[in-house]
Amino acid sequence: MGNRHHRRRYWLLKTEPKEWSWEDQRSNGGISQWDGVRNRQAINHMKSMAPGDRCFFYHSGAGAVGRRIVGVVEVVKPWYATDDGGKEGAVDVREIGEMRRPVELEEIKEAAREKEMKGFALLRQPRLSVVPMSDEIWERICEMGGGFREEEEEG
C-alpha cells in the first residue's frame, strides 16, 4: 500500500576543515546547507539523499586535524537548486552527534581487509566528496569510533 517509510541510507560527506569544520556545523543550531559540490557523481549521490538519511562528517584536510570521521549529521531537506539554471544545489543537514572517538583514515584502510568493509567507495574513489556506504560499513565505523553522542534511539 502507499505511504511506505523511506529506508534510511548512509553516506560520508567530506569537507576541508578550513572551509567548513565540525565546529562550524555545530554552530547555528547544527543545521547547514551542504553545497559547493562540483563532481557529477557526487551531485547524483546528493540528489538521491532523503530526509532521515545519516552521513558521517569527514574532515579531509591534511595537517593537525588529519583525515578522519568526526561526527554524524542527518539530511533534513533533500536536494534543491541553489542557482537559476538548476545546475548547482544543496541538501540541508543537521548535526546529530560527535563521534566518541574520531575514526582516522588509516584505521579505515586497516579495517578494509574485513569482509564487510570491502568495496568502500571512500577507499576506491578517494577524491569523491559524497560517498554512499552500506549498512554494514556504517555499523563497523560506528563501532570503531565507539558510536556517537546523541539520545540513543531504538529501531
C-alpha atoms as a PDB file:
ATOM      1  CA  MET A   1       0.000   0.000   0.000  1.00  0.00           C
ATOM      2  CA  GLY A   2       1.170   3.616  -0.427  1.00  0.00           C
ATOM      3  CA  ASN A   3       2.905   5.651   2.270  1.00  0.00           C
ATOM      4  CA  ARG A   4       5.841   3.312   2.819  1.00  0.00           C
ATOM      5  CA  HIS A   5       8.581   4.573   5.080  1.00  0.00           C
ATOM      6  CA  HIS A   6      11.849   5.574   3.453  1.00  0.00           C
ATOM      7  CA  ARG A   7      14.611   3.108   4.287  1.00  0.00           C
ATOM      8  CA  ARG A   8      17.416   5.114   5.862  1.00  0.00           C
ATOM      9  CA  ARG A   9      20.585   5.161   3.802  1.00  0.00           C
ATOM     10  CA  TYR A  10      24.096   6.093   4.832  1.00  0.00           C
ATOM     11  CA  TRP A  11      26.677   8.423   3.335  1.00  0.00           C
ATOM     12  CA  LEU A  12      30.003  10.079   4.037  1.00  0.00           C
ATOM     13  CA  LEU A  13      30.392  13.829   3.420  1.00  0.00           C
ATOM     14  CA  LYS A  14      33.909  15.218   3.084  1.00  0.00           C
ATOM     15  CA  THR A  15      34.922  18.740   3.917  1.00  0.00           C
ATOM     16  CA  GLU A  16      38.161  20.636   4.348  1.00  0.00           C
ATOM     17  CA  PRO A  17      38.073  21.817   7.989  1.00  0.00           C
ATOM     18  CA  LYS A  18      39.389  25.249   6.998  1.00  0.00           C
ATOM     19  CA  GLU A  19      36.367  25.625   4.646  1.00  0.00           C
ATOM     20  CA  TRP A  20      33.661  24.005   6.829  1.00  0.00           C
ATOM     21  CA  SER A  21      34.593  22.284  10.078  1.00  0.00           C
ATOM     22  CA  TRP A  22      32.655  20.232  12.610  1.00  0.00           C
ATOM     23  CA  GLU A  23      32.712  23.301  14.868  1.00  0.00           C
ATOM     24  CA  ASP A  24      31.130  25.338  12.044  1.00  0.00           C
ATOM     25  CA  GLN A  25      28.465  22.647  11.629  1.00  0.00           C
ATOM     26  CA  ARG A  26      27.634  22.699  15.338  1.00  0.00           C
ATOM     27  CA  SER A  27      27.068  26.445  15.304  1.00  0.00           C
ATOM     28  CA  ASN A  28      23.791  27.919  14.039  1.00  0.00           C
ATOM     29  CA  GLY A  29      21.663  25.230  15.682  1.00  0.00           C
ATOM     30  CA  GLY A  30      23.572  22.462  13.937  1.00  0.00           C
ATOM     31  CA  ILE A  31      21.732  22.912  10.618  1.00  0.00           C
ATOM     32  CA  SER A  32      23.567  23.879   7.451  1.00  0.00           C
ATOM     33  CA  GLN A  33      23.306  23.867   3.703  1.00  0.00           C
ATOM     34  CA  TRP A  34      25.693  21.291   2.212  1.00  0.00           C
ATOM     35  CA  ASP A  35      26.665  22.785  -1.119  1.00  0.00           C
ATOM     36  CA  GLY A  36      29.627  23.566  -3.351  1.00  0.00           C
ATOM     37  CA  VAL A  37      29.832  20.015  -4.724  1.00  0.00           C
ATOM     38  CA  ARG A  38      31.001  20.033  -8.356  1.00  0.00           C
ATOM     39  CA  ASN A  39      31.654  16.385  -9.215  1.00  0.00           C
ATOM     40  CA  ARG A  40      28.748  14.946 -11.220  1.00  0.00           C
ATOM     41  CA  GLN A  41      28.824  11.576  -9.431  1.00  0.00           C
ATOM     42  CA  ALA A  42      28.836  13.269  -6.005  1.00  0.00           C
ATOM     43  CA  ILE A  43      25.933  15.501  -7.090  1.00  0.00           C
ATOM     44  CA  ASN A  44      23.967  12.440  -8.208  1.00  0.00           C
ATOM     45  CA  HIS A  45      24.548  10.891  -4.782  1.00  0.00           C
ATOM     46  CA  MET A  46      23.248  14.076  -3.140  1.00  0.00           C
ATOM     47  CA  LYS A  47      20.173  14.042  -5.393  1.00  0.00           C
ATOM     48  CA  SER A  48      19.318  10.564  -4.112  1.00  0.00           C
ATOM     49  CA  MET A  49      19.513  11.578  -0.436  1.00  0.00           C
ATOM     50  CA  ALA A  50      16.281  11.768   1.544  1.00  0.00           C
ATOM     51  CA  PRO A  51      15.329  13.250   4.909  1.00  0.00           C
ATOM     52  CA  GLY A  52      16.369  10.863   7.661  1.00  0.00           C
ATOM     53  CA  ASP A  53      19.462   9.596   5.845  1.00  0.00           C
ATOM     54  CA  ARG A  54      22.564   9.726   8.049  1.00  0.00           C
ATOM     55  CA  CYS A  55      26.002  10.958   6.998  1.00  0.00           C
ATOM     56  CA  PHE A  56      29.420  10.742   8.543  1.00  0.00           C
ATOM     57  CA  PHE A  57      31.081  14.167   8.707  1.00  0.00           C
ATOM     58  CA  TYR A  58      34.621  13.642   7.428  1.00  0.00           C
ATOM     59  CA  HIS A  59      37.491  16.135   7.742  1.00  0.00           C
ATOM     60  CA  SER A  60      39.541  15.666   4.585  1.00  0.00           C
ATOM     61  CA  GLY A  61      42.385  18.095   5.195  1.00  0.00           C
ATOM     62  CA  ALA A  62      45.974  17.253   5.901  1.00  0.00           C
ATOM     63  CA  GLY A  63      47.816  18.720   8.840  1.00  0.00           C
ATOM     64  CA  ALA A  64      46.969  18.700  12.534  1.00  0.00           C
ATOM     65  CA  VAL A  65      43.318  17.722  12.091  1.00  0.00           C
ATOM     66  CA  GLY A  66      44.088  14.836   9.748  1.00  0.00           C
ATOM     67  CA  ARG A  67      41.719  12.799   7.611  1.00  0.00           C
ATOM     68  CA  ARG A  68      39.040  11.400   9.887  1.00  0.00           C
ATOM     69  CA  ILE A  69      35.368  10.983  10.663  1.00  0.00           C
ATOM     70  CA  VAL A  70      34.446  13.379  13.451  1.00  0.00           C
ATOM     71  CA  GLY A  71      30.652  13.380  13.639  1.00  0.00           C
ATOM     72  CA  VAL A  72      27.243  12.434  12.263  1.00  0.00           C
ATOM     73  CA  VAL A  73      24.676  14.614  10.506  1.00  0.00           C
ATOM     74  CA  GLU A  74      21.203  13.809   9.209  1.00  0.00           C
ATOM     75  CA  VAL A  75      19.619  15.006   5.971  1.00  0.00           C
ATOM     76  CA  VAL A  76      16.693  17.312   6.846  1.00  0.00           C
ATOM     77  CA  LYS A  77      15.955  18.753   3.381  1.00  0.00           C
ATOM     78  CA  PRO A  78      16.522  16.863   0.110  1.00  0.00           C
ATOM     79  CA  TRP A  79      18.328  18.247  -2.951  1.00  0.00           C
ATOM     80  CA  TYR A  80      17.227  21.675  -4.140  1.00  0.00           C
ATOM     81  CA  ALA A  81      18.626  24.069  -6.739  1.00  0.00           C
ATOM     82  CA  THR A  82      20.694  26.984  -5.472  1.00  0.00           C
ATOM     83  CA  ASP A  83      21.061  28.729  -8.837  1.00  0.00           C
ATOM     84  CA  ASP A  84      18.716  29.789 -11.611  1.00  0.00           C
ATOM     85  CA  GLY A  85      19.879  27.115 -14.033  1.00  0.00           C
ATOM     86  CA  GLY A  86      19.411  24.284 -11.535  1.00  0.00           C
ATOM     87  CA  LYS A  87      22.969  23.055 -12.101  1.00  0.00           C
ATOM     88  CA  GLU A  88      24.102  23.816  -8.564  1.00  0.00           C
ATOM     89  CA  GLY A  89      22.292  22.670  -5.478  1.00  0.00           C
ATOM     90  CA  ALA A  90      22.444  21.511  -1.903  1.00  0.00           C
ATOM     91  CA  VAL A  91      20.941  19.349   0.781  1.00  0.00           C
ATOM     92  CA  ASP A  92      20.389  20.620   4.302  1.00  0.00           C
ATOM     93  CA  VAL A  93      21.895  18.594   7.129  1.00  0.00           C
ATOM     94  CA  ARG A  94      21.516  18.759  10.911  1.00  0.00           C
ATOM     95  CA  GLU A  95      24.118  17.801  13.470  1.00  0.00           C
ATOM     96  CA  ILE A  96      23.228  14.558  15.252  1.00  0.00           C
ATOM     97  CA  GLY A  97      26.327  13.971  17.345  1.00  0.00           C
ATOM     98  CA  GLU A  98      30.071  13.908  17.642  1.00  0.00           C
ATOM     99  CA  MET A  99      31.965  10.631  17.350  1.00  0.00           C
ATOM    100  CA  ARG A 100      33.025   9.426  20.795  1.00  0.00           C
ATOM    101  CA  ARG A 101      36.436   8.906  19.205  1.00  0.00           C
ATOM    102  CA  PRO A 102      37.338  10.220  15.722  1.00  0.00           C
ATOM    103  CA  VAL A 103      37.956   7.424  13.216  1.00  0.00           C
ATOM    104  CA  GLU A 104      41.153   8.060  11.276  1.00  0.00           C
ATOM    105  CA  LEU A 105      41.506   7.233   7.574  1.00  0.00           C
ATOM    106  CA  GLU A 106      44.410   4.907   8.423  1.00  0.00           C
ATOM    107  CA  GLU A 107      42.125   2.865  10.710  1.00  0.00           C
ATOM    108  CA  ILE A 108      39.533   2.627   7.935  1.00  0.00           C
ATOM    109  CA  LYS A 109      42.211   1.438   5.495  1.00  0.00           C
ATOM    110  CA  GLU A 110      43.325  -1.159   8.052  1.00  0.00           C
ATOM    111  CA  ALA A 111      39.731  -2.368   8.543  1.00  0.00           C
ATOM    112  CA  ALA A 112      39.218  -2.560   4.758  1.00  0.00           C
ATOM    113  CA  ARG A 113      40.647  -6.076   4.872  1.00  0.00           C
ATOM    114  CA  GLU A 114      37.492  -7.188   6.683  1.00  0.00           C
ATOM    115  CA  LYS A 115      34.702  -8.665   4.576  1.00  0.00           C
ATOM    116  CA  GLU A 116      32.034  -6.074   5.495  1.00  0.00           C
ATOM    117  CA  MET A 117      34.391  -3.192   4.618  1.00  0.00           C
ATOM    118  CA  LYS A 118      35.257  -4.453   1.120  1.00  0.00           C
ATOM    119  CA  GLY A 119      34.380  -2.080  -1.687  1.00  0.00           C
ATOM    120  CA  PHE A 120      34.012   1.049   0.472  1.00  0.00           C
ATOM    121  CA  ALA A 121      33.900   3.913  -2.072  1.00  0.00           C
ATOM    122  CA  LEU A 122      35.957   6.165   0.238  1.00  0.00           C
ATOM    123  CA  LEU A 123      38.938   3.927  -0.483  1.00  0.00           C
ATOM    124  CA  ARG A 124      38.098   3.154  -4.134  1.00  0.00           C
ATOM    125  CA  GLN A 125      37.408   6.806  -5.090  1.00  0.00           C
ATOM    126  CA  PRO A 126      39.323   8.858  -2.515  1.00  0.00           C
ATOM    127  CA  ARG A 127      38.649  12.208  -4.233  1.00  0.00           C
ATOM    128  CA  LEU A 128      34.847  11.819  -4.234  1.00  0.00           C
ATOM    129  CA  SER A 129      33.293  14.249  -1.723  1.00  0.00           C
ATOM    130  CA  VAL A 130      29.958  12.427  -1.242  1.00  0.00           C
ATOM    131  CA  VAL A 131      30.269   8.684  -0.725  1.00  0.00           C
ATOM    132  CA  PRO A 132      27.491   6.110  -0.263  1.00  0.00           C
ATOM    133  CA  MET A 133      28.022   3.292   2.209  1.00  0.00           C
ATOM    134  CA  SER A 134      26.334   0.045   3.137  1.00  0.00           C
ATOM    135  CA  ASP A 135      24.610  -0.535   6.470  1.00  0.00           C
ATOM    136  CA  GLU A 136      27.467  -2.928   7.347  1.00  0.00           C
ATOM    137  CA  ILE A 137      30.181  -0.340   6.724  1.00  0.00           C
ATOM    138  CA  TRP A 138      28.202   2.280   8.693  1.00  0.00           C
ATOM    139  CA  GLU A 139      27.858  -0.091  11.656  1.00  0.00           C
ATOM    140  CA  ARG A 140      31.520  -1.089  11.554  1.00  0.00           C
ATOM    141  CA  ILE A 141      32.746   2.523  11.529  1.00  0.00           C
ATOM    142  CA  CYS A 142      30.342   3.428  14.370  1.00  0.00           C
ATOM    143  CA  GLU A 143      31.834   0.519  16.308  1.00  0.00           C
ATOM    144  CA  MET A 144      35.383   1.701  15.549  1.00  0.00           C
ATOM    145  CA  GLY A 145      34.571   5.186  16.880  1.00  0.00           C
ATOM    146  CA  GLY A 146      32.655   3.966  19.924  1.00  0.00           C
ATOM    147  CA  GLY A 147      29.427   5.342  18.462  1.00  0.00           C
ATOM    148  CA  PHE A 148      28.393   8.966  18.558  1.00  0.00           C
ATOM    149  CA  ARG A 149      26.890  11.140  21.264  1.00  0.00           C
ATOM    150  CA  GLU A 150      23.143  11.547  20.880  1.00  0.00           C
ATOM    151  CA  GLU A 151      19.933  10.456  22.520  1.00  0.00           C
ATOM    152  CA  GLU A 152      20.183   6.748  21.730  1.00  0.00           C
ATOM    153  CA  GLU A 153      17.232   5.662  19.645  1.00  0.00           C
ATOM    154  CA  GLU A 154      15.939   2.162  19.235  1.00  0.00           C
ATOM    155  CA  GLY A 155      14.900   0.993  15.819  1.00  0.00           C
END
